[in-house]
Amino acid sequence: MSDLLHKKLGKLGAEVVSKEDEKKLLALFHDGELEYGLKKELYSLLEKMDDAAMDQKESRARFERLWKKVQQSEDKKEVRKLPRMHWYVAAAMLLLGLLIGNLLQLKAPEIKSETTYYTAIAPKGSISQSVLPDGTIIFLNSGSELKYATDMSQTKREVYLNGEAWFDVQHSEEIPFLVHTDQYDVKVMGTEFNVKAYPEDQEVVTTLEEGSIQVMSTSKLKLEHNIELVPGEQLVYHKSKKTVQVKDVKSQLFSSWKDNKLIFINMSLGELITLLERKYGVDITVQDPQLLKHHYDGTIRNETIIEVLDILQKTLPINYVINDQKVIITKK
């Protein structure tokens, strides 16, 4: 992508556009059949712009030509009034809408295409943010995957989580939002919550920040009834013990990772090592299993893995060495 295009996209991001319209525009790019064409049209429009700001009269004329083209299209759909914004943001949205209409007209109405899925991934050592087709915002923690249908906003809203994610779900009375984990399902109408469901972990943890959610049975976990959580509550399911516990917590502590900050209280060294491996994408080996019983309180913000290990070495009876990009922890 050229420097000029980066510059123009930066200008787009600087414009005053409502959060709702921004979500709708971003969601268009999740359609597997349209994504390439949409991006191509948008990039083509942006690359044709001059570096200097367009003359207001010329800008309005271009906008009017695009507007007439949409009105004359065979789609004949009602066009909603666009919010006030710079002309090229509006023009880009119009081009995207026009392209969608033209492509949809090529499809035979009697043929139903199979559902296509999109997978969002956060590799080890990184955190990713995405906007789902229905406008829901998600943060994926390191080593996590989230699969969802590209048409989820039009039919049903379901995602399949492998790992940890924080959700800000768009409210919908008609179409509830479902999060499927390998142990239980979480049903929401619109809220903010965190789900931690790594397959290698013994616990599946759901923490509610705002709104309300229901934890529901699956083939692997049969509950007597759906468990509804209120803000500040956390549900913990232990896989091997097959126990379900609901407790009061400071919910923000369990989603601080999305702000690149990790807060842990009375965490065992074994749990902390798992957290560090995911955050920094490293392999850590502990030679003495007794060391895993030590507990630690702390906060990790922008420290490197070496800085974190140095702090642990000063406060716990451990030493560490790095051998072939692997961290080996021994007893001091």
C-alpha atoms as a PDB file:
ATOM      1  CA  MET A   1       0.000   0.000   0.000  1.00  0.00           C
ATOM      2  CA  SER A   2       1.497   3.326  -1.058  1.00  0.00           C
ATOM      3  CA  ASP A   3       2.451   6.165   1.266  1.00  0.00           C
ATOM      4  CA  LEU A   4      -0.166   8.310  -0.464  1.00  0.00           C
ATOM      5  CA  LEU A   5      -2.886   5.790   0.278  1.00  0.00           C
ATOM      6  CA  HIS A   6      -1.783   5.568   3.896  1.00  0.00           C
ATOM      7  CA  LYS A   7      -2.022   9.339   4.061  1.00  0.00           C
ATOM      8  CA  LYS A   8      -5.519   9.395   2.604  1.00  0.00           C
ATOM      9  CA  LEU A   9      -6.761   6.631   4.874  1.00  0.00           C
ATOM     10  CA  GLY A  10      -5.337   8.597   7.777  1.00  0.00           C
ATOM     11  CA  LYS A  11      -7.432  11.580   6.688  1.00  0.00           C
ATOM     12  CA  LEU A  12     -10.514   9.367   6.620  1.00  0.00           C
ATOM     13  CA  GLY A  13      -9.843   8.264  10.174  1.00  0.00           C
ATOM     14  CA  ALA A  14      -9.497  11.877  11.304  1.00  0.00           C
ATOM     15  CA  GLU A  15     -12.974  12.893  10.070  1.00  0.00           C
ATOM     16  CA  VAL A  16     -15.933  13.239  12.428  1.00  0.00           C
ATOM     17  CA  VAL A  17     -18.064  10.173  11.707  1.00  0.00           C
ATOM     18  CA  SER A  18     -20.569   8.733  14.176  1.00  0.00           C
ATOM     19  CA  LYS A  19     -19.595   5.484  15.849  1.00  0.00           C
ATOM     20  CA  GLU A  20     -22.700   3.781  14.500  1.00  0.00           C
ATOM     21  CA  ASP A  21     -21.918   4.721  10.866  1.00  0.00           C
ATOM     22  CA  GLU A  22     -18.295   3.712  11.301  1.00  0.00           C
ATOM     23  CA  LYS A  23     -19.340   0.246  12.523  1.00  0.00           C
ATOM     24  CA  LYS A  24     -21.728  -0.217   9.606  1.00  0.00           C
ATOM     25  CA  LEU A  25     -19.066   0.781   7.084  1.00  0.00           C
ATOM     26  CA  LEU A  26     -16.439  -1.511   8.592  1.00  0.00           C
ATOM     27  CA  ALA A  27     -18.890  -4.413   8.749  1.00  0.00           C
ATOM     28  CA  LEU A  28     -19.261  -4.376   4.941  1.00  0.00           C
ATOM     29  CA  PHE A  29     -15.726  -5.667   4.594  1.00  0.00           C
ATOM     30  CA  HIS A  30     -16.619  -8.963   6.315  1.00  0.00           C
ATOM     31  CA  ASP A  31     -18.657 -10.209   3.347  1.00  0.00           C
ATOM     32  CA  GLY A  32     -16.418 -12.848   1.804  1.00  0.00           C
ATOM     33  CA  GLU A  33     -17.900 -12.377  -1.689  1.00  0.00           C
ATOM     34  CA  LEU A  34     -17.731  -8.585  -1.719  1.00  0.00           C
ATOM     35  CA  GLU A  35     -14.621  -7.809   0.309  1.00  0.00           C
ATOM     36  CA  TYR A  36     -12.136  -7.686  -2.589  1.00  0.00           C
ATOM     37  CA  GLY A  37     -14.349  -5.543  -4.814  1.00  0.00           C
ATOM     38  CA  LEU A  38     -15.232  -3.169  -1.993  1.00  0.00           C
ATOM     39  CA  LYS A  39     -11.629  -2.580  -1.056  1.00  0.00           C
ATOM     40  CA  LYS A  40     -10.610  -2.159  -4.681  1.00  0.00           C
ATOM     41  CA  GLU A  41     -13.286   0.488  -5.313  1.00  0.00           C
ATOM     42  CA  LEU A  42     -12.491   2.367  -2.117  1.00  0.00           C
ATOM     43  CA  TYR A  43      -8.737   2.317  -2.704  1.00  0.00           C
ATOM     44  CA  SER A  44      -9.232   3.435  -6.318  1.00  0.00           C
ATOM     45  CA  LEU A  45     -11.289   6.414  -5.168  1.00  0.00           C
ATOM     46  CA  LEU A  46      -8.770   7.421  -2.512  1.00  0.00           C
ATOM     47  CA  GLU A  47      -5.757   7.117  -4.812  1.00  0.00           C
ATOM     48  CA  LYS A  48      -7.329   9.539  -7.327  1.00  0.00           C
ATOM     49  CA  MET A  49      -7.562  12.318  -4.769  1.00  0.00           C
ATOM     50  CA  ASP A  50      -5.063  15.172  -4.782  1.00  0.00           C
ATOM     51  CA  ASP A  51      -2.982  15.821  -1.688  1.00  0.00           C
ATOM     52  CA  ALA A  52      -4.427  19.300  -1.370  1.00  0.00           C
ATOM     53  CA  ALA A  53      -7.961  19.699  -0.063  1.00  0.00           C
ATOM     54  CA  MET A  54     -10.548  19.629  -2.850  1.00  0.00           C
ATOM     55  CA  ASP A  55     -12.290  22.823  -3.834  1.00  0.00           C
ATOM     56  CA  GLN A  56     -15.664  22.904  -2.098  1.00  0.00           C
ATOM     57  CA  LYS A  57     -17.584  23.515  -5.348  1.00  0.00           C
ATOM     58  CA  GLU A  58     -15.828  20.658  -7.148  1.00  0.00           C
ATOM     59  CA  SER A  59     -16.330  18.390  -4.129  1.00  0.00           C
ATOM     60  CA  ARG A  60     -20.059  19.069  -4.131  1.00  0.00           C
ATOM     61  CA  ALA A  61     -20.277  18.431  -7.881  1.00  0.00           C
ATOM     62  CA  ARG A  62     -18.602  15.040  -7.535  1.00  0.00           C
ATOM     63  CA  PHE A  63     -20.846  14.164  -4.649  1.00  0.00           C
ATOM     64  CA  GLU A  64     -23.945  15.080  -6.676  1.00  0.00           C
ATOM     65  CA  ARG A  65     -22.839  12.915  -9.627  1.00  0.00           C
ATOM     66  CA  LEU A  66     -22.380   9.935  -7.336  1.00  0.00           C
ATOM     67  CA  TRP A  67     -25.721  10.582  -5.685  1.00  0.00           C
ATOM     68  CA  LYS A  68     -27.550  10.660  -9.051  1.00  0.00           C
ATOM     69  CA  LYS A  69     -25.842   7.459 -10.088  1.00  0.00           C
ATOM     70  CA  VAL A  70     -27.153   5.703  -6.999  1.00  0.00           C
ATOM     71  CA  GLN A  71     -30.674   7.063  -7.559  1.00  0.00           C
ATOM     72  CA  GLN A  72     -30.678   5.822 -11.155  1.00  0.00           C
ATOM     73  CA  SER A  73     -29.424   2.321 -10.292  1.00  0.00           C
ATOM     74  CA  GLU A  74     -31.770  -0.623 -10.894  1.00  0.00           C
ATOM     75  CA  ASP A  75     -31.750  -1.430  -7.221  1.00  0.00           C
ATOM     76  CA  LYS A  76     -34.381   1.290  -6.560  1.00  0.00           C
ATOM     77  CA  LYS A  77     -33.797   0.992  -2.829  1.00  0.00           C
ATOM     78  CA  GLU A  78     -34.603   3.827  -0.463  1.00  0.00           C
ATOM     79  CA  VAL A  79     -31.434   5.792   0.222  1.00  0.00           C
ATOM     80  CA  ARG A  80     -30.997   6.950   3.793  1.00  0.00           C
ATOM     81  CA  LYS A  81     -29.790  10.454   4.484  1.00  0.00           C
ATOM     82  CA  LEU A  82     -26.076  10.418   5.098  1.00  0.00           C
ATOM     83  CA  PRO A  83     -24.659  12.137   8.185  1.00  0.00           C
ATOM     84  CA  ARG A  84     -22.559  15.262   7.706  1.00  0.00           C
ATOM     85  CA  MET A  85     -19.007  14.325   6.850  1.00  0.00           C
ATOM     86  CA  HIS A  86     -16.242  15.187   4.402  1.00  0.00           C
ATOM     87  CA  TRP A  87     -17.287  14.545   0.767  1.00  0.00           C
ATOM     88  CA  TYR A  88     -14.882  11.703   0.092  1.00  0.00           C
ATOM     89  CA  VAL A  89     -16.049   9.726   3.147  1.00  0.00           C
ATOM     90  CA  ALA A  90     -19.626  10.020   1.872  1.00  0.00           C
ATOM     91  CA  ALA A  91     -18.546   9.234  -1.687  1.00  0.00           C
ATOM     92  CA  ALA A  92     -16.679   6.141  -0.550  1.00  0.00           C
ATOM     93  CA  MET A  93     -19.762   4.896   1.291  1.00  0.00           C
ATOM     94  CA  LEU A  94     -21.928   5.543  -1.780  1.00  0.00           C
ATOM     95  CA  LEU A  95     -19.540   3.631  -4.020  1.00  0.00           C
ATOM     96  CA  LEU A  96     -19.572   0.722  -1.612  1.00  0.00           C
ATOM     97  CA  GLY A  97     -23.355   0.676  -1.537  1.00  0.00           C
ATOM     98  CA  LEU A  98     -23.566   0.915  -5.345  1.00  0.00           C
ATOM     99  CA  LEU A  99     -21.126  -1.946  -5.792  1.00  0.00           C
ATOM    100  CA  ILE A 100     -23.113  -4.134  -3.394  1.00  0.00           C
ATOM    101  CA  GLY A 101     -26.328  -3.428  -5.295  1.00  0.00           C
ATOM    102  CA  ASN A 102     -24.762  -4.254  -8.668  1.00  0.00           C
ATOM    103  CA  LEU A 103     -23.240  -7.498  -7.439  1.00  0.00           C
ATOM    104  CA  LEU A 104     -26.428  -8.648  -5.772  1.00  0.00           C
ATOM    105  CA  GLN A 105     -28.333  -8.127  -9.019  1.00  0.00           C
ATOM    106  CA  LEU A 106     -26.101 -10.731 -10.687  1.00  0.00           C
ATOM    107  CA  LYS A 107     -27.298 -13.481  -8.348  1.00  0.00           C
ATOM    108  CA  ALA A 108     -30.295 -15.626  -9.240  1.00  0.00           C
ATOM    109  CA  PRO A 109     -32.861 -15.124  -6.453  1.00  0.00           C
ATOM    110  CA  GLU A 110     -33.843 -18.776  -6.331  1.00  0.00           C
ATOM    111  CA  ILE A 111     -30.300 -19.952  -5.541  1.00  0.00           C
ATOM    112  CA  LYS A 112     -29.242 -19.882  -1.905  1.00  0.00           C
ATOM    113  CA  SER A 113     -25.490 -19.724  -1.322  1.00  0.00           C
ATOM    114  CA  GLU A 114     -23.909 -21.779   1.436  1.00  0.00           C
ATOM    115  CA  THR A 115     -22.946 -19.998   4.638  1.00  0.00           C
ATOM    116  CA  THR A 116     -19.387 -18.749   4.567  1.00  0.00           C
ATOM    117  CA  TYR A 117     -17.342 -18.257   7.718  1.00  0.00           C
ATOM    118  CA  TYR A 118     -14.629 -15.814   8.683  1.00  0.00           C
ATOM    119  CA  THR A 119     -12.011 -16.580  11.345  1.00  0.00           C
ATOM    120  CA  ALA A 120     -10.373 -13.803  13.354  1.00  0.00           C
ATOM    121  CA  ILE A 121      -7.027 -14.792  14.870  1.00  0.00           C
ATOM    122  CA  ALA A 122      -4.721 -13.305  17.507  1.00  0.00           C
ATOM    123  CA  PRO A 123      -1.333 -15.060  17.241  1.00  0.00           C
ATOM    124  CA  LYS A 124       0.644 -15.777  20.387  1.00  0.00           C
ATOM    125  CA  GLY A 125       2.227 -12.631  21.741  1.00  0.00           C
ATOM    126  CA  SER A 126      -0.393 -10.277  20.277  1.00  0.00           C
ATOM    127  CA  ILE A 127      -3.906  -8.872  20.799  1.00  0.00           C
ATOM    128  CA  SER A 128      -6.277  -8.165  17.921  1.00  0.00           C
ATOM    129  CA  GLN A 129      -9.411  -6.030  17.605  1.00  0.00           C
ATOM    130  CA  SER A 130     -12.237  -6.640  15.131  1.00  0.00           C
ATOM    131  CA  VAL A 131     -15.706  -5.340  14.289  1.00  0.00           C
ATOM    132  CA  LEU A 132     -18.167  -8.123  13.487  1.00  0.00           C
ATOM    133  CA  PRO A 133     -20.752  -7.779  10.677  1.00  0.00           C
ATOM    134  CA  ASP A 134     -23.480  -6.786  13.181  1.00  0.00           C
ATOM    135  CA  GLY A 135     -21.329  -3.991  14.648  1.00  0.00           C
ATOM    136  CA  THR A 136     -20.177  -5.931  17.722  1.00  0.00           C
ATOM    137  CA  ILE A 137     -16.642  -5.044  18.853  1.00  0.00           C
ATOM    138  CA  ILE A 138     -14.319  -7.823  20.000  1.00  0.00           C
ATOM    139  CA  PHE A 139     -10.805  -7.993  21.393  1.00  0.00           C
ATOM    140  CA  LEU A 140      -9.037 -11.340  20.998  1.00  0.00           C
ATOM    141  CA  ASN A 141      -6.338 -12.261  23.469  1.00  0.00           C
ATOM    142  CA  SER A 142      -3.078 -13.925  22.506  1.00  0.00           C
ATOM    143  CA  GLY A 143      -3.414 -17.408  20.992  1.00  0.00           C
ATOM    144  CA  SER A 144      -7.175 -17.098  20.381  1.00  0.00           C
ATOM    145  CA  GLU A 145      -9.522 -17.667  17.437  1.00  0.00           C
ATOM    146  CA  LEU A 146     -13.093 -16.563  16.779  1.00  0.00           C
ATOM    147  CA  LYS A 147     -15.188 -17.978  13.915  1.00  0.00           C
ATOM    148  CA  TYR A 148     -18.429 -16.392  12.703  1.00  0.00           C
ATOM    149  CA  ALA A 149     -20.711 -16.336   9.651  1.00  0.00           C
ATOM    150  CA  THR A 150     -20.264 -13.380   7.296  1.00  0.00           C
ATOM    151  CA  ASP A 151     -24.072 -12.879   7.146  1.00  0.00           C
ATOM    152  CA  MET A 152     -24.594 -13.095  10.904  1.00  0.00           C
ATOM    153  CA  SER A 153     -26.380  -9.737  11.179  1.00  0.00           C
ATOM    154  CA  GLN A 154     -29.072 -10.837   8.710  1.00  0.00           C
ATOM    155  CA  THR A 155     -29.861 -14.302  10.072  1.00  0.00           C
ATOM    156  CA  LYS A 156     -28.453 -15.309  13.431  1.00  0.00           C
ATOM    157  CA  ARG A 157     -25.623 -14.028  15.567  1.00  0.00           C
ATOM    158  CA  GLU A 158     -23.357 -16.870  16.647  1.00  0.00           C
ATOM    159  CA  VAL A 159     -19.611 -17.025  17.213  1.00  0.00           C
ATOM    160  CA  TYR A 160     -17.324 -19.910  18.095  1.00  0.00           C
ATOM    161  CA  LEU A 161     -14.552 -19.048  20.543  1.00  0.00           C
ATOM    162  CA  ASN A 162     -11.303 -20.893  21.064  1.00  0.00           C
ATOM    163  CA  GLY A 163      -9.301 -18.871  23.577  1.00  0.00           C
ATOM    164  CA  GLU A 164     -10.188 -15.573  25.267  1.00  0.00           C
ATOM    165  CA  ALA A 165     -12.216 -12.627  24.014  1.00  0.00           C
ATOM    166  CA  TRP A 166     -13.854  -9.464  25.322  1.00  0.00           C
ATOM    167  CA  PHE A 167     -17.153  -8.494  23.695  1.00  0.00           C
ATOM    168  CA  ASP A 168     -19.090  -5.245  23.314  1.00  0.00           C
ATOM    169  CA  VAL A 169     -22.270  -6.653  21.736  1.00  0.00           C
ATOM    170  CA  GLN A 170     -24.678  -4.549  19.685  1.00  0.00           C
ATOM    171  CA  HIS A 171     -28.154  -4.781  21.224  1.00  0.00           C
ATOM    172  CA  SER A 172     -30.852  -6.681  19.330  1.00  0.00           C
ATOM    173  CA  GLU A 173     -34.137  -7.949  20.762  1.00  0.00           C
ATOM    174  CA  GLU A 174     -34.872  -9.976  17.631  1.00  0.00           C
ATOM    175  CA  ILE A 175     -31.514 -11.743  17.230  1.00  0.00           C
ATOM    176  CA  PRO A 176     -29.730 -12.728  20.469  1.00  0.00           C
ATOM    177  CA  PHE A 177     -25.940 -13.092  20.400  1.00  0.00           C
ATOM    178  CA  LEU A 178     -24.505 -16.551  21.190  1.00  0.00           C
ATOM    179  CA  VAL A 179     -20.922 -17.380  22.139  1.00  0.00           C
ATOM    180  CA  HIS A 180     -20.113 -21.084  21.776  1.00  0.00           C
ATOM    181  CA  THR A 181     -17.205 -22.476  23.802  1.00  0.00           C
ATOM    182  CA  ASP A 182     -16.113 -26.103  23.989  1.00  0.00           C
ATOM    183  CA  GLN A 183     -17.962 -26.465  27.311  1.00  0.00           C
ATOM    184  CA  TYR A 184     -20.948 -24.092  27.506  1.00  0.00           C
ATOM    185  CA  ASP A 185     -22.762 -21.363  25.567  1.00  0.00           C
ATOM    186  CA  VAL A 186     -23.252 -17.723  26.533  1.00  0.00           C
ATOM    187  CA  LYS A 187     -26.423 -15.922  25.402  1.00  0.00           C
ATOM    188  CA  VAL A 188     -26.629 -12.112  25.415  1.00  0.00           C
ATOM    189  CA  MET A 189     -28.915  -9.392  24.100  1.00  0.00           C
ATOM    190  CA  GLY A 190     -26.385  -6.558  24.256  1.00  0.00           C
ATOM    191  CA  THR A 191     -23.666  -6.063  26.840  1.00  0.00           C
ATOM    192  CA  GLU A 192     -19.944  -6.102  27.722  1.00  0.00           C
ATOM    193  CA  PHE A 193     -18.354  -9.287  28.999  1.00  0.00           C
ATOM    194  CA  ASN A 194     -15.228 -11.455  28.877  1.00  0.00           C
ATOM    195  CA  VAL A 195     -15.018 -15.175  28.078  1.00  0.00           C
ATOM    196  CA  LYS A 196     -11.860 -17.206  28.710  1.00  0.00           C
ATOM    197  CA  ALA A 197     -12.061 -20.662  27.138  1.00  0.00           C
ATOM    198  CA  TYR A 198      -8.622 -21.950  26.177  1.00  0.00           C
ATOM    199  CA  PRO A 199      -8.883 -25.696  25.434  1.00  0.00           C
ATOM    200  CA  GLU A 200      -5.719 -26.449  27.442  1.00  0.00           C
ATOM    201  CA  ASP A 201      -7.002 -24.647  30.584  1.00  0.00           C
ATOM    202  CA  GLN A 202      -8.920 -26.492  33.285  1.00  0.00           C
ATOM    203  CA  GLU A 203     -11.321 -23.584  33.812  1.00  0.00           C
ATOM    204  CA  VAL A 204     -13.756 -21.839  31.478  1.00  0.00           C
ATOM    205  CA  VAL A 205     -14.450 -18.367  32.885  1.00  0.00           C
ATOM    206  CA  THR A 206     -17.126 -15.826  31.941  1.00  0.00           C
ATOM    207  CA  THR A 207     -17.061 -12.385  33.559  1.00  0.00           C
ATOM    208  CA  LEU A 208     -19.816  -9.785  33.118  1.00  0.00           C
ATOM    209  CA  GLU A 209     -19.095  -6.048  33.114  1.00  0.00           C
ATOM    210  CA  GLU A 210     -22.362  -4.508  31.882  1.00  0.00           C
ATOM    211  CA  GLY A 211     -25.867  -5.737  31.001  1.00  0.00           C
ATOM    212  CA  SER A 212     -26.912  -9.349  31.565  1.00  0.00           C
ATOM    213  CA  ILE A 213     -25.987 -12.717  30.100  1.00  0.00           C
ATOM    214  CA  GLN A 214     -27.092 -16.323  30.438  1.00  0.00           C
ATOM    215  CA  VAL A 215     -24.808 -19.347  30.582  1.00  0.00           C
ATOM    216  CA  MET A 216     -26.517 -22.260  28.830  1.00  0.00           C
ATOM    217  CA  SER A 217     -26.067 -26.040  28.662  1.00  0.00           C
ATOM    218  CA  THR A 218     -24.310 -27.904  25.846  1.00  0.00           C
ATOM    219  CA  SER A 219     -23.717 -31.578  25.117  1.00  0.00           C
ATOM    220  CA  LYS A 220     -20.604 -31.438  27.339  1.00  0.00           C
ATOM    221  CA  LEU A 221     -22.149 -29.556  30.256  1.00  0.00           C
ATOM    222  CA  LYS A 222     -25.722 -30.153  31.421  1.00  0.00           C
ATOM    223  CA  LEU A 223     -26.990 -27.437  33.764  1.00  0.00           C
ATOM    224  CA  GLU A 224     -30.184 -27.748  35.786  1.00  0.00           C
ATOM    225  CA  HIS A 225     -31.196 -24.364  34.395  1.00  0.00           C
ATOM    226  CA  ASN A 226     -29.667 -21.392  32.587  1.00  0.00           C
ATOM    227  CA  ILE A 227     -27.501 -19.309  34.917  1.00  0.00           C
ATOM    228  CA  GLU A 228     -28.031 -15.568  34.573  1.00  0.00           C
ATOM    229  CA  LEU A 229     -25.228 -13.235  35.614  1.00  0.00           C
ATOM    230  CA  VAL A 230     -25.437  -9.593  36.689  1.00  0.00           C
ATOM    231  CA  PRO A 231     -22.617  -7.040  36.377  1.00  0.00           C
ATOM    232  CA  GLY A 232     -19.689  -7.878  38.635  1.00  0.00           C
ATOM    233  CA  GLU A 233     -20.394 -11.623  38.646  1.00  0.00           C
ATOM    234  CA  GLN A 234     -18.161 -14.346  37.252  1.00  0.00           C
ATOM    235  CA  LEU A 235     -18.987 -17.949  36.386  1.00  0.00           C
ATOM    236  CA  VAL A 236     -16.166 -20.507  36.596  1.00  0.00           C
ATOM    237  CA  TYR A 237     -16.563 -24.051  35.283  1.00  0.00           C
ATOM    238  CA  HIS A 238     -13.840 -26.545  36.220  1.00  0.00           C
ATOM    239  CA  LYS A 239     -13.548 -29.239  33.541  1.00  0.00           C
ATOM    240  CA  SER A 240     -12.089 -32.152  35.521  1.00  0.00           C
ATOM    241  CA  LYS A 241     -14.004 -31.447  38.740  1.00  0.00           C
ATOM    242  CA  LYS A 242     -17.162 -30.638  36.743  1.00  0.00           C
ATOM    243  CA  THR A 243     -18.059 -27.871  39.186  1.00  0.00           C
ATOM    244  CA  VAL A 244     -19.793 -24.555  38.480  1.00  0.00           C
ATOM    245  CA  GLN A 245     -19.147 -21.561  40.719  1.00  0.00           C
ATOM    246  CA  VAL A 246     -20.591 -18.041  40.552  1.00  0.00           C
ATOM    247  CA  LYS A 247     -18.757 -15.346  42.507  1.00  0.00           C
ATOM    248  CA  ASP A 248     -18.487 -11.570  42.826  1.00  0.00           C
ATOM    249  CA  VAL A 249     -15.342 -10.048  41.291  1.00  0.00           C
ATOM    250  CA  LYS A 250     -13.910  -6.766  40.079  1.00  0.00           C
ATOM    251  CA  SER A 251     -14.789  -7.469  36.471  1.00  0.00           C
ATOM    252  CA  GLN A 252     -12.377  -4.908  34.967  1.00  0.00           C
ATOM    253  CA  LEU A 253      -9.425  -6.896  36.326  1.00  0.00           C
ATOM    254  CA  PHE A 254     -10.307  -9.787  34.045  1.00  0.00           C
ATOM    255  CA  SER A 255     -10.485  -7.700  30.869  1.00  0.00           C
ATOM    256  CA  SER A 256      -7.493  -5.424  31.517  1.00  0.00           C
ATOM    257  CA  TRP A 257      -5.483  -7.508  29.014  1.00  0.00           C
ATOM    258  CA  LYS A 258      -7.288  -5.786  26.118  1.00  0.00           C
ATOM    259  CA  ASP A 259      -5.643  -2.524  27.202  1.00  0.00           C
ATOM    260  CA  ASN A 260      -2.250  -4.246  27.185  1.00  0.00           C
ATOM    261  CA  LYS A 261      -2.253  -4.441  30.977  1.00  0.00           C
ATOM    262  CA  LEU A 262      -2.342  -7.638  33.033  1.00  0.00           C
ATOM    263  CA  ILE A 263      -3.402  -7.543  36.676  1.00  0.00           C
ATOM    264  CA  PHE A 264      -3.114 -10.691  38.772  1.00  0.00           C
ATOM    265  CA  ILE A 265      -3.892 -11.262  42.449  1.00  0.00           C
ATOM    266  CA  ASN A 266      -2.669 -14.307  44.400  1.00  0.00           C
ATOM    267  CA  MET A 267      -1.921 -16.108  41.115  1.00  0.00           C
ATOM    268  CA  SER A 268       0.100 -19.303  41.270  1.00  0.00           C
ATOM    269  CA  LEU A 269       3.417 -19.345  39.424  1.00  0.00           C
ATOM    270  CA  GLY A 270       2.021 -22.090  37.202  1.00  0.00           C
ATOM    271  CA  GLU A 271      -0.916 -19.886  36.107  1.00  0.00           C
ATOM    272  CA  LEU A 272       1.383 -16.892  35.718  1.00  0.00           C
ATOM    273  CA  ILE A 273       3.718 -18.859  33.439  1.00  0.00           C
ATOM    274  CA  THR A 274       0.788 -19.793  31.180  1.00  0.00           C
ATOM    275  CA  LEU A 275      -0.192 -16.124  31.046  1.00  0.00           C
ATOM    276  CA  LEU A 276       3.362 -15.044  30.174  1.00  0.00           C
ATOM    277  CA  GLU A 277       3.690 -17.675  27.448  1.00  0.00           C
ATOM    278  CA  ARG A 278       0.536 -16.360  25.762  1.00  0.00           C
ATOM    279  CA  LYS A 279       1.369 -12.696  26.161  1.00  0.00           C
ATOM    280  CA  TYR A 280       4.964 -12.878  24.943  1.00  0.00           C
ATOM    281  CA  GLY A 281       4.797 -15.947  22.687  1.00  0.00           C
ATOM    282  CA  VAL A 282       7.572 -17.784  24.545  1.00  0.00           C
ATOM    283  CA  ASP A 283       8.060 -21.294  25.956  1.00  0.00           C
ATOM    284  CA  ILE A 284       8.790 -21.507  29.698  1.00  0.00           C
ATOM    285  CA  THR A 285       9.914 -24.667  31.504  1.00  0.00           C
ATOM    286  CA  VAL A 286      10.011 -25.078  35.306  1.00  0.00           C
ATOM    287  CA  GLN A 287      12.426 -27.798  36.423  1.00  0.00           C
ATOM    288  CA  ASP A 288      11.156 -28.082  40.002  1.00  0.00           C
ATOM    289  CA  PRO A 289       7.337 -28.624  40.175  1.00  0.00           C
ATOM    290  CA  GLN A 290       7.307 -27.375  43.780  1.00  0.00           C
ATOM    291  CA  LEU A 291       8.012 -23.858  42.488  1.00  0.00           C
ATOM    292  CA  LEU A 292       4.611 -23.802  40.785  1.00  0.00           C
ATOM    293  CA  LYS A 293       2.927 -23.582  44.198  1.00  0.00           C
ATOM    294  CA  HIS A 294       4.281 -20.086  44.873  1.00  0.00           C
ATOM    295  CA  HIS A 295       1.753 -17.259  44.431  1.00  0.00           C
ATOM    296  CA  TYR A 296       2.306 -13.745  43.195  1.00  0.00           C
ATOM    297  CA  ASP A 297       0.505 -10.381  42.997  1.00  0.00           C
ATOM    298  CA  GLY A 298       1.432  -7.833  40.360  1.00  0.00           C
ATOM    299  CA  THR A 299       0.697  -5.805  37.254  1.00  0.00           C
ATOM    300  CA  ILE A 300       2.324  -6.063  33.828  1.00  0.00           C
ATOM    301  CA  ARG A 301       2.040  -3.062  31.540  1.00  0.00           C
ATOM    302  CA  ASN A 302       4.730  -2.463  28.926  1.00  0.00           C
ATOM    303  CA  GLU A 303       7.525  -4.550  30.446  1.00  0.00           C
ATOM    304  CA  THR A 304       9.480  -6.950  28.251  1.00  0.00           C
ATOM    305  CA  ILE A 305       9.624 -10.653  29.136  1.00  0.00           C
ATOM    306  CA  ILE A 306      13.182 -10.148  30.439  1.00  0.00           C
ATOM    307  CA  GLU A 307      12.036  -7.335  32.739  1.00  0.00           C
ATOM    308  CA  VAL A 308       9.190  -9.488  34.078  1.00  0.00           C
ATOM    309  CA  LEU A 309      11.523 -12.437  34.707  1.00  0.00           C
ATOM    310  CA  ASP A 310      13.995 -10.157  36.501  1.00  0.00           C
ATOM    311  CA  ILE A 311      11.220  -8.958  38.826  1.00  0.00           C
ATOM    312  CA  LEU A 312      10.098 -12.534  39.534  1.00  0.00           C
ATOM    313  CA  GLN A 313      13.686 -13.565  40.220  1.00  0.00           C
ATOM    314  CA  LYS A 314      14.022 -10.808  42.832  1.00  0.00           C
ATOM    315  CA  THR A 315      10.749 -11.591  44.624  1.00  0.00           C
ATOM    316  CA  LEU A 316      10.490 -15.403  44.344  1.00  0.00           C
ATOM    317  CA  PRO A 317      13.101 -18.134  45.135  1.00  0.00           C
ATOM    318  CA  ILE A 318      13.836 -18.736  41.446  1.00  0.00           C
ATOM    319  CA  ASN A 319      16.541 -18.262  38.834  1.00  0.00           C
ATOM    320  CA  TYR A 320      16.132 -18.336  35.092  1.00  0.00           C
ATOM    321  CA  VAL A 321      18.234 -18.867  31.989  1.00  0.00           C
ATOM    322  CA  ILE A 322      17.386 -18.502  28.309  1.00  0.00           C
ATOM    323  CA  ASN A 323      18.506 -21.381  26.114  1.00  0.00           C
ATOM    324  CA  ASP A 324      17.667 -21.585  22.399  1.00  0.00           C
ATOM    325  CA  GLN A 325      14.832 -19.069  22.798  1.00  0.00           C
ATOM    326  CA  LYS A 326      13.334 -21.067  25.670  1.00  0.00           C
ATOM    327  CA  VAL A 327      13.100 -19.845  29.252  1.00  0.00           C
ATOM    328  CA  ILE A 328      14.177 -22.372  31.920  1.00  0.00           C
ATOM    329  CA  ILE A 329      13.255 -21.616  35.549  1.00  0.00           C
ATOM    330  CA  THR A 330      15.150 -23.314  38.351  1.00  0.00           C
ATOM    331  CA  LYS A 331      15.069 -23.178  42.144  1.00  0.00           C
ATOM    332  CA  LYS A 332      17.318 -20.561  43.730  1.00  0.00           C
END
